[in-house]
N, C-alpha and C. Protein backbone atom coordinates (compact mmCIF):
# COMPACT_ATOMS: atom_id res chain seq x y z
N MET A 1 -10.42 -10.59 7.98
CA MET A 1 -10.80 -11.97 7.77
C MET A 1 -9.69 -12.64 6.97
N SER A 2 -9.31 -13.81 7.41
CA SER A 2 -8.25 -14.56 6.78
C SER A 2 -8.82 -15.60 5.82
N ARG A 3 -8.18 -15.72 4.66
CA ARG A 3 -8.61 -16.73 3.69
C ARG A 3 -7.75 -17.97 3.88
N PRO A 4 -8.28 -19.13 3.51
CA PRO A 4 -7.46 -20.34 3.61
C PRO A 4 -6.28 -20.25 2.64
N PRO A 5 -5.18 -20.91 2.96
CA PRO A 5 -4.02 -20.83 2.07
C PRO A 5 -4.29 -21.50 0.73
N VAL A 6 -3.63 -20.98 -0.28
CA VAL A 6 -3.67 -21.56 -1.62
C VAL A 6 -2.34 -22.30 -1.80
N ILE A 7 -2.41 -23.55 -2.20
CA ILE A 7 -1.20 -24.33 -2.41
C ILE A 7 -1.10 -24.67 -3.90
N ILE A 8 0.03 -24.34 -4.47
CA ILE A 8 0.28 -24.67 -5.87
C ILE A 8 1.43 -25.68 -5.89
N GLU A 9 1.14 -26.84 -6.36
CA GLU A 9 2.12 -27.93 -6.45
C GLU A 9 2.76 -27.86 -7.83
N THR A 10 4.02 -27.49 -7.88
CA THR A 10 4.67 -27.29 -9.18
C THR A 10 4.86 -28.59 -9.96
N ALA A 11 4.82 -29.71 -9.28
CA ALA A 11 4.95 -31.00 -9.98
C ALA A 11 3.80 -31.22 -10.95
N ASN A 12 2.69 -30.52 -10.72
CA ASN A 12 1.50 -30.67 -11.57
C ASN A 12 1.43 -29.63 -12.68
N LEU A 13 2.46 -28.79 -12.81
CA LEU A 13 2.44 -27.71 -13.80
C LEU A 13 3.35 -28.02 -14.98
N PRO A 14 3.01 -27.49 -16.15
CA PRO A 14 3.92 -27.61 -17.31
C PRO A 14 5.23 -26.87 -17.02
N THR A 15 6.29 -27.31 -17.64
CA THR A 15 7.62 -26.74 -17.42
C THR A 15 7.67 -25.23 -17.60
N GLU A 16 7.00 -24.72 -18.64
CA GLU A 16 7.06 -23.27 -18.89
C GLU A 16 6.37 -22.48 -17.77
N GLU A 17 5.36 -23.04 -17.14
CA GLU A 17 4.70 -22.35 -16.03
C GLU A 17 5.58 -22.38 -14.77
N VAL A 18 6.28 -23.47 -14.56
CA VAL A 18 7.21 -23.56 -13.43
C VAL A 18 8.34 -22.55 -13.60
N THR A 19 8.82 -22.42 -14.83
CA THR A 19 9.88 -21.45 -15.12
C THR A 19 9.39 -20.04 -14.85
N GLU A 20 8.19 -19.72 -15.28
CA GLU A 20 7.62 -18.39 -15.04
C GLU A 20 7.42 -18.14 -13.55
N LEU A 21 6.92 -19.13 -12.83
CA LEU A 21 6.73 -18.99 -11.38
C LEU A 21 8.07 -18.76 -10.69
N ASP A 22 9.09 -19.51 -11.06
CA ASP A 22 10.42 -19.32 -10.48
C ASP A 22 10.93 -17.90 -10.73
N ARG A 23 10.71 -17.39 -11.94
CA ARG A 23 11.15 -16.03 -12.28
C ARG A 23 10.43 -14.99 -11.42
N LEU A 24 9.12 -15.18 -11.26
CA LEU A 24 8.34 -14.24 -10.46
C LEU A 24 8.75 -14.28 -8.99
N VAL A 25 8.99 -15.48 -8.46
CA VAL A 25 9.41 -15.61 -7.07
C VAL A 25 10.75 -14.90 -6.86
N MET A 26 11.70 -15.15 -7.75
CA MET A 26 13.02 -14.53 -7.61
C MET A 26 12.95 -13.00 -7.70
N ALA A 27 12.12 -12.48 -8.59
CA ALA A 27 11.98 -11.03 -8.72
C ALA A 27 11.38 -10.44 -7.45
N ALA A 28 10.34 -11.08 -6.91
CA ALA A 28 9.71 -10.59 -5.69
C ALA A 28 10.67 -10.70 -4.51
N LYS A 29 11.43 -11.78 -4.46
CA LYS A 29 12.39 -11.98 -3.37
C LYS A 29 13.49 -10.93 -3.41
N GLU A 30 13.96 -10.59 -4.60
CA GLU A 30 15.01 -9.58 -4.74
C GLU A 30 14.57 -8.22 -4.21
N LYS A 31 13.29 -7.90 -4.37
CA LYS A 31 12.77 -6.62 -3.87
C LYS A 31 12.59 -6.64 -2.36
N GLY A 32 12.46 -7.85 -1.78
CA GLY A 32 12.37 -7.98 -0.33
C GLY A 32 10.99 -7.69 0.22
N ASN A 33 10.91 -7.83 1.53
CA ASN A 33 9.68 -7.59 2.27
C ASN A 33 9.61 -6.14 2.71
N VAL A 34 8.41 -5.71 3.03
CA VAL A 34 8.24 -4.36 3.57
C VAL A 34 8.78 -4.35 4.99
N GLU A 35 9.07 -3.18 5.48
CA GLU A 35 9.56 -3.04 6.85
C GLU A 35 8.54 -3.57 7.84
N SER A 36 9.02 -4.11 8.92
CA SER A 36 8.15 -4.59 9.99
C SER A 36 7.24 -3.47 10.45
N GLY A 37 5.98 -3.76 10.60
CA GLY A 37 5.01 -2.76 11.01
C GLY A 37 4.42 -1.99 9.85
N GLY A 38 4.96 -2.16 8.65
CA GLY A 38 4.48 -1.42 7.50
C GLY A 38 3.42 -2.14 6.70
N LEU A 39 3.03 -3.32 7.17
CA LEU A 39 2.08 -4.09 6.39
C LEU A 39 0.69 -3.46 6.35
N ARG A 40 0.29 -2.79 7.41
CA ARG A 40 -1.05 -2.23 7.46
C ARG A 40 -0.96 -0.75 7.80
N THR A 41 -0.62 0.06 6.83
CA THR A 41 -0.48 1.48 7.07
C THR A 41 -1.74 2.26 6.72
N ALA A 42 -2.76 1.59 6.24
CA ALA A 42 -4.04 2.21 5.94
C ALA A 42 -5.12 1.36 6.61
N PRO A 43 -6.20 1.98 7.08
CA PRO A 43 -7.22 1.23 7.83
C PRO A 43 -7.77 0.01 7.11
N ASP A 44 -7.98 0.08 5.82
CA ASP A 44 -8.59 -1.04 5.09
C ASP A 44 -7.59 -1.82 4.24
N ALA A 45 -6.30 -1.59 4.46
CA ALA A 45 -5.29 -2.26 3.63
C ALA A 45 -5.24 -3.75 3.94
N MET A 46 -5.15 -4.53 2.89
CA MET A 46 -4.97 -5.98 3.04
C MET A 46 -3.48 -6.27 3.09
N SER A 47 -3.11 -7.27 3.85
CA SER A 47 -1.72 -7.72 3.84
C SER A 47 -1.68 -9.13 3.29
N TYR A 48 -0.57 -9.49 2.68
CA TYR A 48 -0.43 -10.77 2.00
C TYR A 48 0.88 -11.42 2.40
N THR A 49 0.85 -12.71 2.60
CA THR A 49 2.04 -13.49 2.85
C THR A 49 2.07 -14.63 1.83
N ILE A 50 3.16 -14.73 1.11
CA ILE A 50 3.37 -15.84 0.19
C ILE A 50 4.54 -16.64 0.74
N THR A 51 4.27 -17.90 1.05
CA THR A 51 5.31 -18.79 1.54
C THR A 51 5.78 -19.65 0.38
N VAL A 52 7.07 -19.64 0.17
CA VAL A 52 7.68 -20.43 -0.90
C VAL A 52 8.49 -21.55 -0.23
N ASP A 53 8.20 -22.79 -0.62
CA ASP A 53 8.92 -23.95 -0.09
C ASP A 53 9.44 -24.75 -1.27
N ASP A 54 10.75 -24.75 -1.44
CA ASP A 54 11.32 -25.48 -2.57
C ASP A 54 11.76 -26.89 -2.21
N GLY A 55 11.36 -27.35 -1.04
CA GLY A 55 11.70 -28.70 -0.60
C GLY A 55 12.91 -28.73 0.31
N SER A 56 13.83 -27.80 0.14
CA SER A 56 15.00 -27.76 1.01
C SER A 56 14.94 -26.60 1.99
N LYS A 57 14.19 -25.57 1.64
CA LYS A 57 14.02 -24.42 2.54
C LYS A 57 12.72 -23.70 2.20
N ALA A 58 12.23 -22.97 3.17
CA ALA A 58 11.02 -22.18 2.97
C ALA A 58 11.30 -20.75 3.40
N PHE A 59 10.64 -19.80 2.74
CA PHE A 59 10.75 -18.41 3.14
C PHE A 59 9.43 -17.72 2.83
N ASP A 60 9.18 -16.63 3.54
CA ASP A 60 7.96 -15.85 3.38
C ASP A 60 8.26 -14.53 2.68
N LEU A 61 7.34 -14.13 1.82
CA LEU A 61 7.34 -12.80 1.22
C LEU A 61 6.08 -12.12 1.75
N GLN A 62 6.21 -10.92 2.28
CA GLN A 62 5.07 -10.21 2.85
C GLN A 62 4.99 -8.80 2.29
N GLN A 63 3.78 -8.40 1.92
CA GLN A 63 3.53 -7.05 1.43
C GLN A 63 2.09 -6.68 1.77
N SER A 64 1.75 -5.42 1.56
CA SER A 64 0.38 -4.97 1.76
C SER A 64 -0.09 -4.20 0.53
N ASP A 65 -1.37 -3.91 0.50
CA ASP A 65 -1.91 -3.12 -0.61
C ASP A 65 -1.19 -1.78 -0.73
N VAL A 66 -0.81 -1.20 0.38
CA VAL A 66 -0.22 0.13 0.39
C VAL A 66 1.24 0.12 -0.07
N THR A 67 1.97 -0.93 0.27
CA THR A 67 3.41 -0.95 0.01
C THR A 67 3.82 -1.98 -1.03
N MET A 68 2.88 -2.57 -1.74
CA MET A 68 3.17 -3.68 -2.65
C MET A 68 4.03 -3.24 -3.83
N THR A 69 5.10 -4.00 -4.06
CA THR A 69 5.95 -3.75 -5.22
C THR A 69 5.30 -4.36 -6.46
N PRO A 70 5.65 -3.88 -7.63
CA PRO A 70 5.11 -4.48 -8.86
C PRO A 70 5.50 -5.97 -8.98
N GLU A 71 6.67 -6.33 -8.51
CA GLU A 71 7.13 -7.71 -8.58
C GLU A 71 6.28 -8.63 -7.70
N PHE A 72 5.96 -8.17 -6.48
CA PHE A 72 5.11 -8.95 -5.59
C PHE A 72 3.70 -9.06 -6.18
N ALA A 73 3.21 -7.95 -6.73
CA ALA A 73 1.87 -7.95 -7.34
C ALA A 73 1.80 -8.95 -8.50
N ALA A 74 2.85 -9.00 -9.31
CA ALA A 74 2.87 -9.95 -10.43
C ALA A 74 2.82 -11.39 -9.93
N LEU A 75 3.58 -11.69 -8.86
CA LEU A 75 3.56 -13.03 -8.28
C LEU A 75 2.19 -13.35 -7.70
N LYS A 76 1.63 -12.42 -6.95
CA LYS A 76 0.30 -12.61 -6.35
C LYS A 76 -0.75 -12.84 -7.44
N ASN A 77 -0.69 -12.07 -8.50
CA ASN A 77 -1.65 -12.22 -9.60
C ASN A 77 -1.49 -13.57 -10.30
N TRP A 78 -0.25 -14.02 -10.47
CA TRP A 78 0.00 -15.32 -11.10
C TRP A 78 -0.62 -16.42 -10.24
N ILE A 79 -0.39 -16.35 -8.94
CA ILE A 79 -0.95 -17.34 -8.03
C ILE A 79 -2.47 -17.33 -8.08
N GLU A 80 -3.06 -16.14 -8.02
CA GLU A 80 -4.51 -16.03 -8.06
C GLU A 80 -5.07 -16.58 -9.38
N GLY A 81 -4.34 -16.40 -10.46
CA GLY A 81 -4.77 -16.90 -11.76
C GLY A 81 -4.66 -18.41 -11.89
N HIS A 82 -3.94 -19.04 -10.99
CA HIS A 82 -3.76 -20.50 -11.05
C HIS A 82 -4.50 -21.24 -9.94
N THR A 83 -5.30 -20.54 -9.18
CA THR A 83 -6.01 -21.21 -8.08
C THR A 83 -7.19 -22.03 -8.56
N SER A 84 -7.71 -21.72 -9.73
CA SER A 84 -8.87 -22.47 -10.22
C SER A 84 -8.47 -23.60 -11.17
N LYS A 85 -7.16 -23.75 -11.42
CA LYS A 85 -6.69 -24.79 -12.34
C LYS A 85 -6.51 -26.11 -11.62
């Protein structure tokens, strides 16, 4: 089952939160995406796609529960923590 996308508009965030989000995005991007086909290596594994659009370009970060890096998890958790704000 797919959830609707969460959109975080950085123009509405305090500067320190934007700085933290930028740091998390860069760390997750440096680790890269999992190999194609590796997103669902377990029957019940969830896969996640985070699309980052800085206004001039957009890119996707993709990981799964099975292959998730700590950097991607930190970014995902930050986003989840800001969805109710």
